[in-house]
Amino acid sequence: MRFLADENFPGDAVSALRAAGHDVSSVSERSPGARDVDVLVMAETELRILLTFDKDFGELAWNAGLPASCGIMLFRMPTPPAASIEEALLARIEERSDWAGHFSVIETGRVRMRSLRPA
C-alpha cells in the first residue's frame, strides 16, 4: 500500500512499514512544518493513504473530495510504548487492505470507517 505519514506519525513505525514492503512517504522527511491542507494535497496528488494522529484531518477530508484511491487513517489510541510502537502500529495497519476511499478512525479494540465519497 501507498502511505503518507504525517509529522506526528512515529519514525520507527514508518521504518517498519517500509521494511514490510509498503511505499511510505514521510512529511517529516520531505516537508517538515507543512500545513494540514498541504499534507492533504500531497496525499491526493500521490494517491496515498494518510497516517495521522491529528483530529483536524476529519473536517478537511470531507471538504477535500479525495479520490477513492486515497484515504485517511486517524489513530485515536494511546501511543504504544516506544519499544513496541512500530509493531503495534504496523499490526493495526495490516489488519485490513481496504483503507483507500475511507476516513478510518483506529481506536483500541475497534475501527470505524466512513466512505470519503458517497456510494
N, C-alpha and C. Protein backbone atom coordinates (compact mmCIF):
# COMPACT_ATOMS: atom_id res chain seq x y z
N MET A 1 0.84 -1.19 0.00
CA MET A 1 0.00 0.00 0.00
C MET A 1 0.87 1.24 0.00
N ARG A 2 0.28 2.33 -0.46
CA ARG A 2 0.98 3.62 -0.51
C ARG A 2 0.47 4.52 0.61
N PHE A 3 1.39 4.94 1.48
CA PHE A 3 1.03 5.76 2.64
C PHE A 3 1.79 7.08 2.64
N LEU A 4 1.20 8.07 3.30
CA LEU A 4 1.87 9.32 3.61
C LEU A 4 1.79 9.47 5.12
N ALA A 5 2.92 9.44 5.80
CA ALA A 5 2.96 9.56 7.25
C ALA A 5 3.04 11.03 7.63
N ASP A 6 2.05 11.49 8.39
CA ASP A 6 2.04 12.85 8.89
C ASP A 6 3.23 13.05 9.83
N GLU A 7 3.54 14.30 10.13
CA GLU A 7 4.68 14.58 11.01
C GLU A 7 4.55 13.94 12.38
N ASN A 8 3.33 13.75 12.86
CA ASN A 8 3.15 13.18 14.19
C ASN A 8 3.17 11.66 14.20
N PHE A 9 3.35 11.04 13.04
CA PHE A 9 3.41 9.59 12.96
C PHE A 9 4.84 9.15 13.24
N PRO A 10 5.05 8.23 14.19
CA PRO A 10 6.40 7.87 14.63
C PRO A 10 7.32 7.35 13.52
N GLY A 11 8.54 7.83 13.53
CA GLY A 11 9.54 7.42 12.55
C GLY A 11 9.83 5.93 12.58
N ASP A 12 9.81 5.33 13.77
CA ASP A 12 10.05 3.88 13.86
C ASP A 12 8.95 3.11 13.15
N ALA A 13 7.72 3.61 13.22
CA ALA A 13 6.62 2.95 12.53
C ALA A 13 6.75 3.11 11.02
N VAL A 14 7.23 4.27 10.57
CA VAL A 14 7.49 4.49 9.14
C VAL A 14 8.51 3.47 8.65
N SER A 15 9.59 3.31 9.41
CA SER A 15 10.63 2.33 9.04
C SER A 15 10.08 0.92 9.00
N ALA A 16 9.23 0.56 9.96
CA ALA A 16 8.65 -0.79 10.00
C ALA A 16 7.74 -1.03 8.80
N LEU A 17 6.95 -0.02 8.42
CA LEU A 17 6.09 -0.16 7.24
C LEU A 17 6.92 -0.35 5.98
N ARG A 18 7.99 0.43 5.86
CA ARG A 18 8.86 0.28 4.69
C ARG A 18 9.49 -1.10 4.66
N ALA A 19 9.95 -1.58 5.81
CA ALA A 19 10.57 -2.91 5.88
C ALA A 19 9.58 -4.00 5.52
N ALA A 20 8.29 -3.75 5.77
CA ALA A 20 7.25 -4.72 5.43
C ALA A 20 6.83 -4.63 3.97
N GLY A 21 7.47 -3.72 3.20
CA GLY A 21 7.21 -3.64 1.77
C GLY A 21 6.24 -2.56 1.34
N HIS A 22 5.80 -1.71 2.26
CA HIS A 22 4.88 -0.64 1.90
C HIS A 22 5.65 0.57 1.37
N ASP A 23 5.01 1.31 0.49
CA ASP A 23 5.57 2.54 -0.08
C ASP A 23 5.13 3.68 0.85
N VAL A 24 6.05 4.18 1.66
CA VAL A 24 5.71 5.20 2.66
C VAL A 24 6.54 6.45 2.43
N SER A 25 5.83 7.56 2.24
CA SER A 25 6.46 8.88 2.17
C SER A 25 6.22 9.54 3.52
N SER A 26 7.18 10.32 3.98
CA SER A 26 7.09 10.93 5.30
C SER A 26 7.14 12.45 5.21
N VAL A 27 6.14 13.11 5.78
CA VAL A 27 6.11 14.57 5.81
C VAL A 27 7.32 15.09 6.58
N SER A 28 7.71 14.42 7.64
CA SER A 28 8.88 14.85 8.44
C SER A 28 10.15 14.88 7.61
N GLU A 29 10.29 13.94 6.68
CA GLU A 29 11.49 13.85 5.87
C GLU A 29 11.49 14.82 4.70
N ARG A 30 10.33 15.06 4.13
CA ARG A 30 10.31 15.83 2.89
C ARG A 30 9.76 17.23 3.00
N SER A 31 8.92 17.50 4.00
CA SER A 31 8.31 18.82 4.08
C SER A 31 7.91 19.16 5.51
N PRO A 32 8.90 19.17 6.43
CA PRO A 32 8.57 19.44 7.82
C PRO A 32 7.89 20.80 7.98
N GLY A 33 6.89 20.84 8.85
CA GLY A 33 6.18 22.08 9.09
C GLY A 33 5.07 22.37 8.09
N ALA A 34 4.80 21.44 7.17
CA ALA A 34 3.76 21.66 6.16
C ALA A 34 2.40 21.83 6.83
N ARG A 35 1.58 22.69 6.26
CA ARG A 35 0.23 22.90 6.76
C ARG A 35 -0.61 21.66 6.45
N ASP A 36 -1.65 21.45 7.25
CA ASP A 36 -2.51 20.28 7.06
C ASP A 36 -3.10 20.22 5.66
N VAL A 37 -3.52 21.36 5.14
CA VAL A 37 -4.11 21.35 3.78
C VAL A 37 -3.08 20.93 2.75
N ASP A 38 -1.83 21.32 2.95
CA ASP A 38 -0.76 20.92 2.02
C ASP A 38 -0.46 19.43 2.13
N VAL A 39 -0.54 18.90 3.35
CA VAL A 39 -0.33 17.46 3.55
C VAL A 39 -1.44 16.69 2.83
N LEU A 40 -2.66 17.17 2.93
CA LEU A 40 -3.78 16.51 2.25
C LEU A 40 -3.61 16.56 0.73
N VAL A 41 -3.10 17.67 0.22
CA VAL A 41 -2.84 17.79 -1.22
C VAL A 41 -1.77 16.78 -1.64
N MET A 42 -0.74 16.60 -0.80
CA MET A 42 0.30 15.60 -1.11
C MET A 42 -0.33 14.22 -1.22
N ALA A 43 -1.18 13.87 -0.25
CA ALA A 43 -1.82 12.55 -0.26
C ALA A 43 -2.67 12.38 -1.52
N GLU A 44 -3.41 13.42 -1.87
CA GLU A 44 -4.28 13.34 -3.05
C GLU A 44 -3.47 13.25 -4.33
N THR A 45 -2.46 14.10 -4.46
CA THR A 45 -1.64 14.13 -5.67
C THR A 45 -0.91 12.81 -5.90
N GLU A 46 -0.44 12.21 -4.80
CA GLU A 46 0.35 10.99 -4.90
C GLU A 46 -0.47 9.72 -4.67
N LEU A 47 -1.79 9.89 -4.51
CA LEU A 47 -2.69 8.76 -4.30
C LEU A 47 -2.23 7.89 -3.13
N ARG A 48 -2.07 8.53 -1.97
CA ARG A 48 -1.60 7.86 -0.77
C ARG A 48 -2.66 7.91 0.33
N ILE A 49 -2.56 6.99 1.25
CA ILE A 49 -3.41 6.96 2.44
C ILE A 49 -2.63 7.67 3.56
N LEU A 50 -3.24 8.71 4.11
CA LEU A 50 -2.58 9.50 5.16
C LEU A 50 -2.67 8.80 6.50
N LEU A 51 -1.55 8.68 7.19
CA LEU A 51 -1.47 8.11 8.53
C LEU A 51 -1.24 9.27 9.50
N THR A 52 -2.15 9.47 10.47
CA THR A 52 -2.03 10.62 11.35
C THR A 52 -2.64 10.38 12.72
N PHE A 53 -2.22 11.18 13.67
CA PHE A 53 -2.82 11.25 15.00
C PHE A 53 -3.56 12.58 15.16
N ASP A 54 -3.68 13.36 14.09
CA ASP A 54 -4.23 14.71 14.11
C ASP A 54 -5.72 14.71 13.75
N LYS A 55 -6.58 15.05 14.71
CA LYS A 55 -8.03 15.04 14.50
C LYS A 55 -8.49 16.09 13.49
N ASP A 56 -7.69 17.11 13.23
CA ASP A 56 -8.09 18.16 12.29
C ASP A 56 -8.35 17.65 10.88
N PHE A 57 -7.81 16.50 10.53
CA PHE A 57 -7.98 15.99 9.18
C PHE A 57 -9.41 15.50 8.90
N GLY A 58 -10.21 15.29 9.93
CA GLY A 58 -11.58 14.85 9.73
C GLY A 58 -12.38 15.84 8.89
N GLU A 59 -12.43 17.08 9.32
CA GLU A 59 -13.17 18.10 8.58
C GLU A 59 -12.54 18.37 7.23
N LEU A 60 -11.23 18.42 7.18
CA LEU A 60 -10.54 18.67 5.91
C LEU A 60 -10.87 17.58 4.89
N ALA A 61 -10.97 16.35 5.35
CA ALA A 61 -11.24 15.23 4.44
C ALA A 61 -12.58 15.39 3.75
N TRP A 62 -13.60 15.80 4.47
CA TRP A 62 -14.93 15.94 3.88
C TRP A 62 -14.98 17.10 2.90
N ASN A 63 -14.22 18.14 3.15
CA ASN A 63 -14.20 19.29 2.25
C ASN A 63 -13.34 19.08 1.02
N ALA A 64 -12.39 18.16 1.09
CA ALA A 64 -11.42 17.99 0.01
C ALA A 64 -11.93 17.18 -1.17
N GLY A 65 -12.87 16.29 -0.96
CA GLY A 65 -13.33 15.43 -2.05
C GLY A 65 -12.22 14.53 -2.57
N LEU A 66 -11.55 13.84 -1.67
CA LEU A 66 -10.43 12.98 -2.06
C LEU A 66 -10.89 11.86 -2.99
N PRO A 67 -10.04 11.46 -3.94
CA PRO A 67 -10.38 10.34 -4.82
C PRO A 67 -10.40 9.03 -4.04
N ALA A 68 -11.05 8.04 -4.59
CA ALA A 68 -11.20 6.75 -3.92
C ALA A 68 -9.87 6.04 -3.67
N SER A 69 -8.83 6.41 -4.38
CA SER A 69 -7.53 5.77 -4.18
C SER A 69 -6.80 6.32 -2.96
N CYS A 70 -7.31 7.41 -2.37
CA CYS A 70 -6.73 7.99 -1.16
C CYS A 70 -7.51 7.51 0.05
N GLY A 71 -7.07 7.93 1.19
CA GLY A 71 -7.78 7.63 2.43
C GLY A 71 -7.06 8.30 3.58
N ILE A 72 -7.70 8.29 4.72
CA ILE A 72 -7.10 8.85 5.93
C ILE A 72 -7.30 7.85 7.05
N MET A 73 -6.22 7.55 7.75
CA MET A 73 -6.27 6.69 8.92
C MET A 73 -5.91 7.55 10.13
N LEU A 74 -6.91 7.85 10.94
CA LEU A 74 -6.73 8.65 12.15
C LEU A 74 -6.60 7.69 13.33
N PHE A 75 -5.45 7.73 13.98
CA PHE A 75 -5.20 6.87 15.14
C PHE A 75 -5.62 7.62 16.39
N ARG A 76 -6.64 7.08 17.08
CA ARG A 76 -7.13 7.66 18.33
C ARG A 76 -6.99 6.60 19.40
N MET A 77 -5.76 6.29 19.68
CA MET A 77 -5.45 5.28 20.67
C MET A 77 -4.22 5.75 21.42
N PRO A 78 -4.03 5.27 22.63
CA PRO A 78 -2.82 5.67 23.35
C PRO A 78 -1.59 5.29 22.54
N THR A 79 -0.61 6.16 22.53
CA THR A 79 0.62 5.85 21.81
C THR A 79 1.28 4.66 22.50
N PRO A 80 1.57 3.61 21.74
CA PRO A 80 2.21 2.43 22.34
C PRO A 80 3.60 2.80 22.88
N PRO A 81 4.11 2.00 23.80
CA PRO A 81 5.46 2.26 24.32
C PRO A 81 6.48 2.33 23.18
N ALA A 82 7.47 3.17 23.35
CA ALA A 82 8.47 3.39 22.30
C ALA A 82 9.10 2.09 21.82
N ALA A 83 9.31 1.15 22.72
CA ALA A 83 9.99 -0.10 22.34
C ALA A 83 9.15 -0.96 21.40
N SER A 84 7.83 -0.73 21.37
CA SER A 84 6.99 -1.59 20.53
C SER A 84 6.07 -0.80 19.60
N ILE A 85 6.30 0.50 19.46
CA ILE A 85 5.39 1.32 18.67
C ILE A 85 5.31 0.86 17.23
N GLU A 86 6.45 0.50 16.64
CA GLU A 86 6.42 0.11 15.23
C GLU A 86 5.61 -1.16 15.02
N GLU A 87 5.75 -2.15 15.92
CA GLU A 87 4.99 -3.39 15.76
C GLU A 87 3.50 -3.15 15.97
N ALA A 88 3.15 -2.33 16.97
CA ALA A 88 1.75 -2.08 17.29
C ALA A 88 1.04 -1.37 16.13
N LEU A 89 1.65 -0.32 15.59
CA LEU A 89 1.02 0.42 14.50
C LEU A 89 1.02 -0.39 13.21
N LEU A 90 2.10 -1.09 12.93
CA LEU A 90 2.16 -1.94 11.73
C LEU A 90 1.06 -3.00 11.78
N ALA A 91 0.86 -3.61 12.94
CA ALA A 91 -0.17 -4.64 13.07
C ALA A 91 -1.56 -4.06 12.80
N ARG A 92 -1.84 -2.88 13.33
CA ARG A 92 -3.16 -2.27 13.10
C ARG A 92 -3.35 -1.94 11.62
N ILE A 93 -2.32 -1.42 10.97
CA ILE A 93 -2.43 -1.04 9.56
C ILE A 93 -2.62 -2.28 8.69
N GLU A 94 -1.93 -3.36 9.01
CA GLU A 94 -2.00 -4.55 8.18
C GLU A 94 -3.21 -5.45 8.49
N GLU A 95 -4.05 -5.04 9.43
CA GLU A 95 -5.27 -5.80 9.73
C GLU A 95 -6.23 -5.82 8.54
N ARG A 96 -6.17 -4.79 7.72
CA ARG A 96 -7.11 -4.64 6.61
C ARG A 96 -6.35 -4.20 5.37
N SER A 97 -7.02 -4.31 4.23
CA SER A 97 -6.42 -3.82 2.99
C SER A 97 -7.34 -2.85 2.27
N ASP A 98 -8.44 -2.49 2.92
CA ASP A 98 -9.44 -1.63 2.27
C ASP A 98 -9.46 -0.20 2.84
N TRP A 99 -8.31 0.33 3.22
CA TRP A 99 -8.23 1.68 3.79
C TRP A 99 -8.53 2.76 2.75
N ALA A 100 -8.15 2.54 1.52
CA ALA A 100 -8.34 3.55 0.47
C ALA A 100 -9.83 3.85 0.31
N GLY A 101 -10.13 5.13 0.11
CA GLY A 101 -11.51 5.55 -0.10
C GLY A 101 -12.29 5.77 1.19
N HIS A 102 -11.61 5.65 2.32
CA HIS A 102 -12.28 5.78 3.61
C HIS A 102 -11.57 6.76 4.54
N PHE A 103 -12.37 7.35 5.42
CA PHE A 103 -11.83 8.04 6.59
C PHE A 103 -12.00 7.05 7.72
N SER A 104 -10.88 6.56 8.23
CA SER A 104 -10.91 5.50 9.24
C SER A 104 -10.38 6.02 10.56
N VAL A 105 -11.08 5.69 11.62
CA VAL A 105 -10.65 6.05 12.97
C VAL A 105 -10.27 4.75 13.66
N ILE A 106 -8.99 4.65 14.03
CA ILE A 106 -8.48 3.44 14.65
C ILE A 106 -8.37 3.70 16.14
N GLU A 107 -9.15 2.95 16.90
CA GLU A 107 -9.16 3.07 18.35
C GLU A 107 -8.75 1.74 18.95
N THR A 108 -8.47 1.74 20.22
CA THR A 108 -8.16 0.49 20.88
C THR A 108 -9.37 -0.43 20.81
N GLY A 109 -9.22 -1.56 20.17
CA GLY A 109 -10.29 -2.54 20.11
C GLY A 109 -11.32 -2.35 19.01
N ARG A 110 -11.24 -1.29 18.21
CA ARG A 110 -12.21 -1.14 17.12
C ARG A 110 -11.71 -0.18 16.05
N VAL A 111 -12.31 -0.33 14.88
CA VAL A 111 -12.03 0.55 13.74
C VAL A 111 -13.37 1.03 13.21
N ARG A 112 -13.50 2.35 13.02
CA ARG A 112 -14.70 2.92 12.42
C ARG A 112 -14.31 3.47 11.05
N MET A 113 -15.08 3.13 10.02
CA MET A 113 -14.75 3.56 8.67
C MET A 113 -15.97 4.22 8.03
N ARG A 114 -15.72 5.35 7.35
CA ARG A 114 -16.75 6.01 6.56
C ARG A 114 -16.18 6.26 5.18
N SER A 115 -17.00 6.03 4.20
CA SER A 115 -16.59 6.28 2.83
C SER A 115 -16.36 7.78 2.64
N LEU A 116 -15.27 8.13 1.97
CA LEU A 116 -14.97 9.54 1.72
C LEU A 116 -15.91 10.14 0.66
N ARG A 117 -16.41 9.31 -0.19
CA ARG A 117 -17.33 9.76 -1.24
C ARG A 117 -18.61 8.96 -1.15
N PRO A 118 -19.73 9.60 -1.35
CA PRO A 118 -20.99 8.85 -1.33
C PRO A 118 -20.97 7.75 -2.39
N ALA A 119 -21.54 6.62 -2.03
CA ALA A 119 -21.56 5.48 -2.95
C ALA A 119 -22.55 5.70 -4.08
